[in-house]
N, C-alpha and C. Protein backbone atom coordinates (compact mmCIF):
# COMPACT_ATOMS: atom_id res chain seq x y z
N MET A 1 0.99 -1.60 -0.38
CA MET A 1 0.13 -0.25 0.62
C MET A 1 0.92 1.05 0.23
N GLU A 2 1.70 0.76 0.62
CA GLU A 2 3.19 2.17 1.00
C GLU A 2 3.21 2.99 -0.52
N LYS A 3 3.36 2.01 -1.77
CA LYS A 3 4.33 2.74 -2.78
C LYS A 3 2.33 2.84 -3.91
N ILE A 4 1.09 2.57 -3.61
CA ILE A 4 0.26 3.47 -3.86
C ILE A 4 0.02 5.01 -3.63
N SER A 5 0.55 5.24 -2.32
CA SER A 5 0.17 5.43 -1.54
C SER A 5 0.90 7.20 -2.16
N GLY A 6 2.49 6.33 -2.86
CA GLY A 6 3.23 7.62 -3.36
C GLY A 6 2.08 8.15 -4.61
N MET A 7 1.10 7.67 -5.53
CA MET A 7 0.48 8.20 -6.30
C MET A 7 -0.44 9.23 -5.78
N PHE A 8 -0.23 9.80 -4.53
CA PHE A 8 -1.06 10.39 -4.34
C PHE A 8 -0.17 12.34 -3.56
N ASP A 9 0.62 11.65 -4.07
CA ASP A 9 2.39 12.46 -3.79
C ASP A 9 2.02 13.35 -5.08
N LEU A 10 1.16 12.89 -5.97
CA LEU A 10 1.03 13.85 -7.44
C LEU A 10 0.43 14.93 -7.12
N PHE A 11 -0.79 14.71 -6.58
CA PHE A 11 -1.84 15.62 -5.46
C PHE A 11 -1.81 16.21 -4.15
N PRO A 12 -1.09 17.12 -4.36
CA PRO A 12 -1.05 17.45 -2.78
C PRO A 12 -2.27 18.11 -1.54
N GLY A 13 -3.12 18.60 -2.42
CA GLY A 13 -4.23 19.27 -1.41
C GLY A 13 -5.19 18.12 -2.10
N LEU A 14 -5.01 16.97 -1.99
CA LEU A 14 -5.82 15.71 -1.65
C LEU A 14 -6.40 16.12 0.03
N SER A 15 -7.67 15.17 0.16
CA SER A 15 -8.24 15.24 1.06
C SER A 15 -7.46 14.42 2.07
N GLU A 16 -6.89 13.70 3.44
CA GLU A 16 -7.30 12.10 3.55
C GLU A 16 -7.41 11.32 4.25
N GLU A 17 -9.15 11.76 4.00
CA GLU A 17 -10.53 11.01 3.59
C GLU A 17 -10.78 10.86 2.68
N ALA A 18 -10.18 11.75 1.31
CA ALA A 18 -10.86 11.05 0.31
C ALA A 18 -9.60 9.67 -0.22
N LYS A 19 -8.67 9.99 0.38
CA LYS A 19 -7.21 9.59 0.52
C LYS A 19 -7.74 8.19 0.23
N ASN A 20 -8.26 7.74 1.37
CA ASN A 20 -8.24 6.14 2.32
C ASN A 20 -9.71 6.06 1.93
N ALA A 21 -10.50 6.63 1.14
CA ALA A 21 -11.75 6.52 0.45
C ALA A 21 -11.60 5.94 -0.56
N PHE A 22 -10.67 6.44 -1.53
CA PHE A 22 -10.10 6.06 -3.17
C PHE A 22 -9.41 4.46 -3.21
N SER A 23 -8.43 4.56 -1.65
CA SER A 23 -7.52 3.69 -1.70
C SER A 23 -8.59 2.15 -1.41
N GLY A 24 -9.61 2.17 -0.68
CA GLY A 24 -10.69 1.50 -0.64
C GLY A 24 -10.74 1.32 -1.26
N GLU A 25 -11.29 1.76 -2.95
CA GLU A 25 -11.88 0.80 -4.59
C GLU A 25 -10.54 0.45 -5.26
N ILE A 26 -9.33 0.93 -4.40
CA ILE A 26 -8.53 0.10 -5.26
C ILE A 26 -7.71 -0.83 -5.43
N GLU A 27 -7.84 -1.87 -6.20
CA GLU A 27 -7.65 -3.12 -6.87
C GLU A 27 -5.70 -3.46 -7.51
N THR A 28 -4.87 -4.20 -6.63
CA THR A 28 -3.47 -4.50 -7.51
C THR A 28 -3.18 -5.48 -7.69
N LEU A 29 -3.23 -5.41 -9.49
CA LEU A 29 -3.43 -6.52 -9.94
C LEU A 29 -1.53 -6.38 -10.61
N SER A 30 -0.54 -8.24 -10.92
CA SER A 30 0.97 -7.95 -11.42
C SER A 30 0.50 -8.40 -12.98
N TYR A 31 1.40 -8.53 -13.79
CA TYR A 31 0.60 -8.85 -15.15
C TYR A 31 2.42 -8.98 -15.93
N GLU A 32 2.29 -9.85 -16.41
CA GLU A 32 3.49 -10.92 -17.47
C GLU A 32 3.83 -9.71 -18.33
N LYS A 33 5.67 -9.74 -18.80
CA LYS A 33 5.51 -9.20 -20.07
C LYS A 33 4.42 -9.73 -21.41
N GLY A 34 4.26 -8.55 -22.33
CA GLY A 34 2.95 -8.80 -23.09
C GLY A 34 1.99 -8.95 -22.73
N GLU A 35 1.41 -9.03 -21.71
CA GLU A 35 -0.18 -9.71 -20.95
C GLU A 35 -0.68 -7.70 -21.50
N LEU A 36 -2.55 -8.05 -21.44
CA LEU A 36 -2.86 -7.25 -21.98
C LEU A 36 -3.69 -6.61 -21.01
N LEU A 37 -3.28 -5.30 -20.52
CA LEU A 37 -4.17 -5.24 -19.20
C LEU A 37 -5.70 -4.23 -19.60
N GLU A 38 -6.00 -4.12 -20.62
CA GLU A 38 -7.20 -3.69 -22.06
C GLU A 38 -6.63 -4.32 -23.61
N LYS A 39 -8.44 -5.14 -23.62
CA LYS A 39 -8.32 -5.51 -25.65
C LYS A 39 -9.45 -4.75 -26.11
N GLU A 40 -9.00 -4.24 -27.63
CA GLU A 40 -9.40 -3.61 -28.04
C GLU A 40 -10.98 -4.04 -28.15
N GLY A 41 -11.88 -3.78 -28.77
CA GLY A 41 -13.23 -4.12 -29.02
C GLY A 41 -14.13 -4.15 -27.58
N ARG A 42 -13.47 -4.01 -26.65
CA ARG A 42 -14.42 -3.88 -25.26
C ARG A 42 -14.37 -2.71 -24.22
N VAL A 43 -14.92 -2.40 -23.60
CA VAL A 43 -15.53 -0.81 -22.83
C VAL A 43 -14.23 -1.21 -21.75
N CYS A 44 -13.31 -0.15 -21.85
CA CYS A 44 -12.70 0.38 -20.71
C CYS A 44 -13.27 0.50 -19.59
N ASP A 45 -12.94 -0.53 -18.88
CA ASP A 45 -13.89 -0.37 -17.14
C ASP A 45 -12.80 0.64 -15.79
N HIS A 46 -11.53 1.00 -16.59
CA HIS A 46 -10.85 0.79 -15.22
C HIS A 46 -9.62 2.28 -15.15
N LEU A 47 -9.46 2.51 -14.74
CA LEU A 47 -8.39 3.96 -15.07
C LEU A 47 -6.68 3.07 -14.00
N TYR A 48 -5.63 2.63 -14.35
CA TYR A 48 -4.43 2.39 -13.89
C TYR A 48 -3.79 3.51 -13.55
N PHE A 49 -2.55 3.28 -12.12
CA PHE A 49 -1.59 3.63 -12.37
C PHE A 49 -0.52 2.32 -11.85
N ILE A 50 0.62 3.13 -12.52
CA ILE A 50 2.07 1.61 -12.20
C ILE A 50 2.14 1.88 -11.26
N ILE A 51 2.01 1.03 -10.53
CA ILE A 51 3.57 1.42 -9.05
C ILE A 51 4.02 0.94 -9.64
N GLU A 52 4.59 -0.66 -10.33
CA GLU A 52 6.27 -0.93 -11.14
C GLU A 52 5.92 -1.55 -12.55
N GLY A 53 7.05 -1.04 -12.85
CA GLY A 53 6.96 -1.79 -15.14
C GLY A 53 6.68 -0.65 -15.60
N SER A 54 5.99 -0.99 -16.57
CA SER A 54 6.14 -0.35 -18.13
C SER A 54 4.65 -0.38 -18.84
N ALA A 55 4.29 -0.22 -19.79
CA ALA A 55 3.04 -0.65 -20.85
C ALA A 55 2.78 0.33 -21.65
N ARG A 56 2.43 0.08 -22.79
CA ARG A 56 2.19 0.87 -23.84
C ARG A 56 0.59 0.61 -24.41
N SER A 57 -0.07 1.45 -25.41
CA SER A 57 -1.39 1.07 -25.95
C SER A 57 -1.03 1.39 -27.58
N PHE A 58 -1.20 0.31 -27.87
CA PHE A 58 -0.98 0.59 -29.04
C PHE A 58 -1.94 0.20 -30.40
N TYR A 59 -2.68 -0.14 -31.29
CA TYR A 59 -3.82 -0.57 -31.88
C TYR A 59 -3.07 -1.38 -33.42
N VAL A 60 -3.84 -2.33 -34.03
CA VAL A 60 -3.63 -2.92 -35.13
C VAL A 60 -4.53 -2.83 -36.38
N ARG A 61 -3.76 -1.89 -36.94
CA ARG A 61 -4.29 -2.14 -38.97
C ARG A 61 -3.88 -2.31 -39.83
N GLU A 62 -4.78 -2.59 -40.25
CA GLU A 62 -4.25 -3.82 -41.33
C GLU A 62 -2.09 -5.28 -41.17
N ASN A 63 -2.92 -5.92 -40.20
CA ASN A 63 -1.81 -6.12 -39.63
C ASN A 63 -0.57 -5.75 -39.34
N LYS A 64 -0.54 -4.48 -39.20
CA LYS A 64 0.70 -3.52 -38.53
C LYS A 64 -0.02 -2.44 -37.16
N ASP A 65 1.16 -3.56 -35.85
CA ASP A 65 0.66 -2.67 -34.78
C ASP A 65 1.42 -1.40 -34.70
N ILE A 66 0.94 -1.26 -34.23
CA ILE A 66 1.07 1.07 -34.34
C ILE A 66 1.12 1.54 -33.16
N THR A 67 2.14 1.55 -32.11
CA THR A 67 2.46 1.79 -30.97
C THR A 67 1.94 3.78 -30.66
N VAL A 68 0.88 3.41 -29.60
CA VAL A 68 -0.23 5.02 -29.72
C VAL A 68 0.79 5.65 -27.96
N SER A 69 1.09 5.45 -27.53
CA SER A 69 2.09 5.70 -26.24
C SER A 69 2.49 4.30 -25.09
N PHE A 70 3.96 5.99 -24.67
CA PHE A 70 3.37 4.75 -23.42
C PHE A 70 3.71 5.06 -21.94
N SER A 71 3.86 4.16 -21.31
CA SER A 71 3.14 4.69 -19.55
C SER A 71 4.61 4.53 -18.44
N LEU A 72 4.96 4.94 -18.05
CA LEU A 72 5.74 4.40 -17.26
C LEU A 72 5.59 4.64 -15.59
N GLU A 73 6.62 3.77 -14.94
CA GLU A 73 6.03 3.73 -13.23
C GLU A 73 5.75 5.49 -12.46
N LYS A 74 5.03 5.66 -11.97
CA LYS A 74 4.05 6.25 -11.66
C LYS A 74 3.37 7.37 -12.82
N GLU A 75 2.87 6.51 -13.24
CA GLU A 75 1.82 7.27 -14.38
C GLU A 75 0.34 6.41 -14.27
N PHE A 76 -0.97 6.94 -14.83
CA PHE A 76 -1.59 7.38 -14.98
C PHE A 76 -2.05 6.82 -16.45
N LEU A 77 -2.83 5.68 -16.24
CA LEU A 77 -3.24 5.34 -18.59
C LEU A 77 -3.95 4.43 -17.85
N THR A 78 -5.19 4.39 -19.11
CA THR A 78 -6.40 3.75 -19.72
C THR A 78 -5.81 4.31 -20.57
N SER A 79 -7.96 3.72 -21.08
CA SER A 79 -7.87 4.15 -22.62
C SER A 79 -8.57 5.28 -23.28
N MET A 80 -8.47 6.11 -23.06
CA MET A 80 -9.32 7.76 -22.06
C MET A 80 -10.98 7.54 -23.06
N HIS A 81 -10.88 7.32 -24.98
CA HIS A 81 -12.06 7.73 -25.09
C HIS A 81 -12.69 6.72 -24.86
N SER A 82 -12.52 5.20 -24.41
CA SER A 82 -13.68 4.30 -24.20
C SER A 82 -14.04 4.30 -22.59
N PHE A 83 -13.06 4.93 -21.76
CA PHE A 83 -13.04 4.78 -20.58
C PHE A 83 -14.35 6.24 -20.60
N ILE A 84 -13.83 7.65 -21.18
CA ILE A 84 -14.82 8.28 -20.82
C ILE A 84 -16.30 7.71 -21.54
N SER A 85 -16.03 7.94 -22.83
CA SER A 85 -17.91 8.09 -23.74
C SER A 85 -18.52 6.77 -23.19
N ARG A 86 -18.06 5.22 -22.92
CA ARG A 86 -18.30 4.32 -22.49
C ARG A 86 -18.56 3.21 -23.83
N LYS A 87 -17.07 3.67 -24.60
CA LYS A 87 -17.71 3.28 -25.92
C LYS A 87 -16.78 2.07 -25.96
N PRO A 88 -17.00 0.94 -27.22
CA PRO A 88 -15.38 -0.47 -26.73
C PRO A 88 -14.21 0.53 -27.23
N SER A 89 -13.26 0.34 -26.83
CA SER A 89 -12.10 0.70 -27.13
C SER A 89 -11.66 0.73 -28.80
N TYR A 90 -10.37 1.24 -29.01
CA TYR A 90 -10.11 0.83 -30.30
C TYR A 90 -7.87 0.35 -30.41
N GLU A 91 -8.21 0.46 -29.18
CA GLU A 91 -6.58 -0.14 -28.27
C GLU A 91 -6.54 -0.42 -27.32
N ASN A 92 -4.94 -1.88 -27.29
CA ASN A 92 -4.94 -2.60 -26.56
C ASN A 92 -3.72 -1.88 -25.60
N ILE A 93 -3.69 -2.33 -24.41
CA ILE A 93 -2.93 -2.36 -23.37
C ILE A 93 -1.86 -3.04 -23.27
N GLU A 94 -0.78 -3.19 -23.12
CA GLU A 94 0.33 -4.36 -23.00
C GLU A 94 0.70 -3.94 -21.76
N ALA A 95 1.14 -4.49 -21.39
CA ALA A 95 2.97 -4.41 -20.01
C ALA A 95 3.71 -4.77 -21.21
N MET A 96 4.85 -3.92 -21.10
CA MET A 96 6.12 -4.10 -20.94
C MET A 96 6.94 -4.67 -21.06
N GLU A 97 6.52 -5.20 -19.76
CA GLU A 97 7.81 -5.78 -18.73
C GLU A 97 7.08 -6.47 -17.42
N LYS A 98 7.59 -6.84 -16.39
CA LYS A 98 6.08 -7.86 -15.40
C LYS A 98 5.96 -6.43 -15.13
N SER A 99 4.85 -5.99 -14.89
CA SER A 99 3.96 -4.42 -13.91
C SER A 99 3.17 -5.41 -13.34
N LYS A 100 3.22 -4.78 -11.80
CA LYS A 100 2.64 -4.19 -10.81
C LYS A 100 1.79 -3.51 -10.88
N VAL A 101 0.50 -2.99 -11.27
CA VAL A 101 -0.35 -1.89 -11.46
C VAL A 101 -1.28 -1.63 -10.62
N ALA A 102 -2.29 -0.24 -9.95
CA ALA A 102 -3.23 -0.42 -9.26
C ALA A 102 -4.75 -0.11 -10.36
N ARG A 103 -5.27 -0.35 -9.75
CA ARG A 103 -6.76 0.36 -11.16
C ARG A 103 -7.70 0.29 -10.13
N ILE A 104 -9.22 1.04 -10.53
CA ILE A 104 -10.14 1.78 -9.87
C ILE A 104 -11.00 1.90 -11.22
N ASN A 105 -12.39 0.70 -10.69
CA ASN A 105 -13.54 0.45 -12.07
C ASN A 105 -13.70 2.37 -12.01
N HIS A 106 -14.99 2.30 -13.27
CA HIS A 106 -14.99 3.54 -13.66
C HIS A 106 -16.68 4.05 -12.68
N LYS A 107 -17.50 3.03 -12.90
CA LYS A 107 -18.22 3.08 -11.72
C LYS A 107 -18.01 3.38 -10.28
N ALA A 108 -17.24 3.38 -9.88
CA ALA A 108 -16.38 3.23 -8.33
C ALA A 108 -16.15 4.91 -8.27
N LEU A 109 -15.41 5.05 -8.92
CA LEU A 109 -14.85 5.99 -9.38
C LEU A 109 -15.71 7.51 -9.38
N LEU A 110 -16.84 7.55 -10.31
CA LEU A 110 -18.27 7.65 -10.60
C LEU A 110 -18.76 8.28 -8.95
N LYS A 111 -18.23 6.99 -8.37
CA LYS A 111 -19.58 6.96 -7.03
C LYS A 111 -18.62 8.34 -5.92
N LEU A 112 -17.25 7.80 -6.04
CA LEU A 112 -16.41 8.99 -5.01
C LEU A 112 -16.66 10.10 -5.63
N PHE A 113 -16.74 10.44 -6.82
CA PHE A 113 -16.62 12.36 -7.16
C PHE A 113 -17.85 12.44 -6.71
N GLU A 114 -19.10 11.82 -6.30
CA GLU A 114 -20.47 12.39 -5.91
C GLU A 114 -20.03 12.75 -4.21
N LYS A 115 -18.95 12.27 -3.85
CA LYS A 115 -18.62 11.97 -1.77
C LYS A 115 -17.72 13.32 -1.89
N HIS A 116 -16.48 12.85 -2.58
CA HIS A 116 -15.23 13.80 -2.19
C HIS A 116 -15.40 15.09 -3.72
N HIS A 117 -15.44 15.83 -3.17
CA HIS A 117 -15.32 16.90 -4.49
C HIS A 117 -13.29 17.29 -5.21
N ASP A 118 -12.82 16.98 -3.50
CA ASP A 118 -11.37 16.86 -4.00
C ASP A 118 -10.99 15.61 -5.25
N LEU A 119 -12.01 14.45 -5.04
CA LEU A 119 -10.75 13.45 -5.68
C LEU A 119 -11.20 13.78 -7.00
N GLU A 120 -12.22 14.52 -7.65
CA GLU A 120 -13.60 14.80 -9.30
C GLU A 120 -12.07 16.13 -9.44
N ARG A 121 -11.63 16.74 -9.30
CA ARG A 121 -10.28 17.99 -9.02
C ARG A 121 -9.00 17.28 -9.90
N THR A 122 -8.84 16.28 -8.67
CA THR A 122 -7.86 15.67 -8.73
C THR A 122 -7.84 14.40 -10.85
N TYR A 123 -8.86 14.12 -10.64
CA TYR A 123 -9.40 13.37 -12.19
C TYR A 123 -9.39 14.14 -12.87
N ARG A 124 -9.79 15.62 -12.97
CA ARG A 124 -9.41 17.11 -13.92
C ARG A 124 -8.26 16.97 -13.81
N LEU A 125 -7.38 16.79 -13.35
CA LEU A 125 -5.47 17.00 -13.26
C LEU A 125 -5.04 16.29 -14.01
N ILE A 126 -5.61 14.90 -13.98
CA ILE A 126 -5.39 14.20 -14.89
C ILE A 126 -5.73 13.83 -16.33
N LEU A 127 -6.89 14.09 -16.82
CA LEU A 127 -7.00 14.84 -17.81
C LEU A 127 -6.27 15.64 -18.80
N GLU A 128 -6.34 16.59 -17.86
CA GLU A 128 -5.15 17.58 -18.32
C GLU A 128 -3.71 17.46 -18.43
N GLN A 129 -3.15 16.30 -17.42
CA GLN A 129 -2.76 16.04 -17.95
C GLN A 129 -1.95 15.51 -19.67
N TYR A 130 -2.83 14.34 -19.43
CA TYR A 130 -2.88 13.46 -20.94
C TYR A 130 -3.96 14.30 -21.77
N TYR A 131 -4.77 15.94 -22.05
CA TYR A 131 -4.43 16.13 -23.32
C TYR A 131 -3.69 17.26 -23.15
N VAL A 132 -2.64 17.46 -22.73
CA VAL A 132 -1.36 17.99 -22.72
C VAL A 132 -0.49 17.52 -23.15
N THR A 133 -0.39 16.04 -23.15
CA THR A 133 0.82 14.90 -23.48
C THR A 133 0.02 14.54 -25.13
N LEU A 134 -1.37 14.55 -25.35
CA LEU A 134 -1.38 13.72 -26.37
C LEU A 134 -1.41 15.30 -27.65
N GLU A 135 -1.22 16.59 -27.26
CA GLU A 135 -1.69 17.71 -27.74
C GLU A 135 0.07 17.95 -28.63
N GLU A 136 1.10 17.65 -27.88
CA GLU A 136 1.96 17.58 -27.26
C GLU A 136 2.34 16.64 -28.76
N GLN A 137 2.34 15.24 -28.60
CA GLN A 137 2.74 14.13 -29.42
C GLN A 137 2.17 14.93 -30.14
N LEU A 138 0.75 15.45 -30.84
CA LEU A 138 0.44 16.25 -32.76
C LEU A 138 1.53 16.93 -32.96
N ILE A 139 1.57 17.88 -32.36
CA ILE A 139 2.14 18.25 -32.19
C ILE A 139 3.96 18.01 -33.00
N PHE A 140 4.38 17.80 -32.07
CA PHE A 140 5.55 16.48 -32.22
C PHE A 140 5.99 15.60 -33.70
N ALA A 141 4.57 15.07 -33.82
CA ALA A 141 4.78 14.56 -35.23
C ALA A 141 4.44 15.26 -36.40
N LYS A 142 3.59 16.70 -36.72
CA LYS A 142 3.41 17.01 -37.80
C LYS A 142 4.87 18.10 -37.79
N PHE A 143 5.39 18.28 -36.87
CA PHE A 143 5.85 19.56 -36.72
C PHE A 143 7.32 18.59 -36.86
N LYS A 144 8.15 18.15 -36.51
CA LYS A 144 9.21 17.82 -36.35
C LYS A 144 10.44 16.73 -37.45
N SER A 145 11.37 16.98 -36.90
CA SER A 145 11.49 15.83 -38.35
C SER A 145 11.97 14.16 -37.31
N ALA A 146 12.37 13.18 -38.29
CA ALA A 146 12.68 12.23 -37.46
C ALA A 146 13.13 12.26 -36.70
N ARG A 147 14.92 12.40 -37.10
CA ARG A 147 15.47 12.76 -35.99
C ARG A 147 15.35 13.23 -34.66
N ASP A 148 14.60 15.08 -34.88
CA ASP A 148 13.92 15.75 -33.90
C ASP A 148 12.79 14.75 -33.28
N ARG A 149 12.49 14.24 -33.41
CA ARG A 149 11.47 13.50 -32.66
C ARG A 149 12.59 12.06 -31.30
N TYR A 150 13.39 11.78 -32.10
CA TYR A 150 14.76 10.66 -31.65
C TYR A 150 15.05 10.97 -30.54
N LEU A 151 15.71 12.10 -30.73
CA LEU A 151 16.17 13.06 -30.32
C LEU A 151 15.19 13.47 -29.03
N ASP A 152 14.10 13.98 -29.38
CA ASP A 152 13.34 14.10 -27.84
C ASP A 152 12.89 13.14 -26.97
N LEU A 153 12.65 12.60 -27.62
CA LEU A 153 12.60 10.97 -26.60
C LEU A 153 14.03 11.42 -25.65
N MET A 154 15.04 10.64 -26.17
CA MET A 154 15.76 10.88 -25.39
C MET A 154 16.35 11.50 -24.45
N GLU A 155 15.41 13.18 -24.71
CA GLU A 155 16.18 13.90 -24.02
C GLU A 155 14.45 13.56 -22.51
N TYR A 156 13.68 13.39 -23.40
CA TYR A 156 12.35 13.50 -22.01
C TYR A 156 11.71 12.47 -21.56
N ARG A 157 11.60 11.35 -22.43
CA ARG A 157 11.40 10.16 -21.85
C ARG A 157 12.79 8.85 -21.96
N PRO A 158 13.82 9.09 -21.65
CA PRO A 158 14.87 7.95 -21.67
C PRO A 158 14.18 6.60 -21.61
N LYS A 159 13.51 6.04 -20.62
CA LYS A 159 13.46 5.04 -19.63
C LYS A 159 12.50 4.12 -20.79
N ILE A 160 11.71 5.08 -22.30
CA ILE A 160 11.17 3.62 -22.56
C ILE A 160 12.73 3.60 -23.53
N ILE A 161 13.15 4.00 -23.66
CA ILE A 161 14.24 3.12 -25.38
C ILE A 161 15.19 2.59 -24.41
N HIS A 162 14.72 2.26 -23.12
CA HIS A 162 15.21 1.52 -22.45
C HIS A 162 14.25 -0.04 -22.54
N LYS A 163 13.01 0.44 -22.81
CA LYS A 163 12.00 -1.23 -22.18
C LYS A 163 11.34 -1.11 -23.21
N ALA A 164 11.30 -0.55 -24.24
CA ALA A 164 10.97 -0.67 -25.99
C ALA A 164 11.12 -0.96 -26.67
N SER A 165 10.56 -1.75 -27.66
CA SER A 165 11.32 -2.90 -28.59
C SER A 165 11.94 -1.51 -29.80
N VAL A 166 13.23 -1.49 -30.92
CA VAL A 166 12.83 -0.69 -31.19
C VAL A 166 11.92 -1.16 -32.49
N GLY A 167 11.55 -1.52 -33.06
CA GLY A 167 9.46 -1.84 -33.95
C GLY A 167 8.60 -0.53 -33.31
N GLN A 168 8.83 -1.16 -31.51
CA GLN A 168 7.55 -0.62 -30.88
C GLN A 168 7.96 1.43 -30.94
N ILE A 169 9.10 1.70 -30.95
CA ILE A 169 9.47 3.25 -30.59
C ILE A 169 9.63 3.61 -32.31
N ALA A 170 10.07 2.73 -32.97
CA ALA A 170 9.96 3.16 -34.25
C ALA A 170 8.37 3.57 -35.30
N SER A 171 7.01 2.68 -34.93
CA SER A 171 6.11 2.99 -34.89
C SER A 171 5.89 4.53 -34.19
N TYR A 172 5.65 3.97 -32.77
CA TYR A 172 5.07 5.51 -31.81
C TYR A 172 5.73 6.67 -32.57
N LEU A 173 7.07 6.81 -33.03
CA LEU A 173 8.03 7.98 -33.49
C LEU A 173 6.86 7.70 -35.13
N ASP A 174 6.67 7.33 -35.14
CA ASP A 174 5.97 7.48 -36.76
C ASP A 174 7.50 7.05 -38.08
N MET A 175 8.01 6.14 -38.10
CA MET A 175 9.29 6.37 -38.62
C MET A 175 9.33 4.84 -39.07
N SER A 176 9.67 4.32 -39.75
CA SER A 176 10.43 2.88 -40.27
C SER A 176 11.13 3.28 -39.01
N ILE A 177 11.13 1.11 -39.16
CA ILE A 177 12.47 1.05 -38.50
C ILE A 177 14.32 1.20 -39.09
N GLU A 178 14.55 0.49 -40.28
CA GLU A 178 15.20 0.99 -40.77
C GLU A 178 15.86 2.90 -40.76
N THR A 179 14.64 3.98 -40.49
CA THR A 179 15.61 4.71 -40.52
C THR A 179 15.24 5.38 -39.00
N LEU A 180 14.57 5.11 -38.67
CA LEU A 180 15.45 4.63 -36.76
C LEU A 180 16.38 4.12 -36.10
N SER A 181 16.80 3.65 -37.08
CA SER A 181 18.35 2.41 -37.35
C SER A 181 19.94 3.36 -37.63
N ARG A 182 18.74 3.92 -38.63
CA ARG A 182 20.01 5.06 -39.80
C ARG A 182 20.30 6.50 -38.77
N ILE A 183 19.09 6.77 -37.80
CA ILE A 183 19.47 8.06 -37.17
C ILE A 183 20.01 7.28 -36.05
N ARG A 184 19.98 6.41 -35.38
CA ARG A 184 20.07 6.01 -33.91
C ARG A 184 22.37 5.27 -34.26
N ALA A 185 22.41 5.77 -35.33
CA ALA A 185 24.03 4.98 -36.08
C ALA A 185 24.58 6.33 -35.67
N LYS A 186 23.69 7.80 -36.16
CA LYS A 186 24.40 8.01 -36.35
C LYS A 186 24.42 9.64 -34.92
N ILE A 187 24.12 8.85 -34.08
CA ILE A 187 24.39 10.13 -32.65
C ILE A 187 24.64 9.35 -31.64
């Protein structure tokens, strides 16, 4: 429970009562490398927090695996569109290594919001961070060269380079494995 309480350090304004209520609804699970936390075609019912390990979100189109995002320790993740809209997800979430996560059910979270408005504010902050990351990723993909995208990844999220496969990184950066290999050889 000690590492789970670390998630609350990200939100210092949260009351002890809200923390305890939230902790009471948390389920802790372990996943092996390659195991799916969420599967496309199903409604995503959980918001996750990575205690240990890492995960990636991806979808498959025309037999091609396309990585959308990476999540590391002390980060929240979910299939946001599905979690909010309650529609089936178009993405999968996969553990990239042996991982331990805490998760909370969508219905339980909504019930907590009714009693604890500071939790609702905390959730808004999580959504804002998700939005900022998504917007940065869109700008990143449209306006930066392949080399600059890789250099940014090295600077701002270096752990991903050590945890993800070359194919996953290339897909995330929207380039071929060959292009990524050429860039890496020149750095």
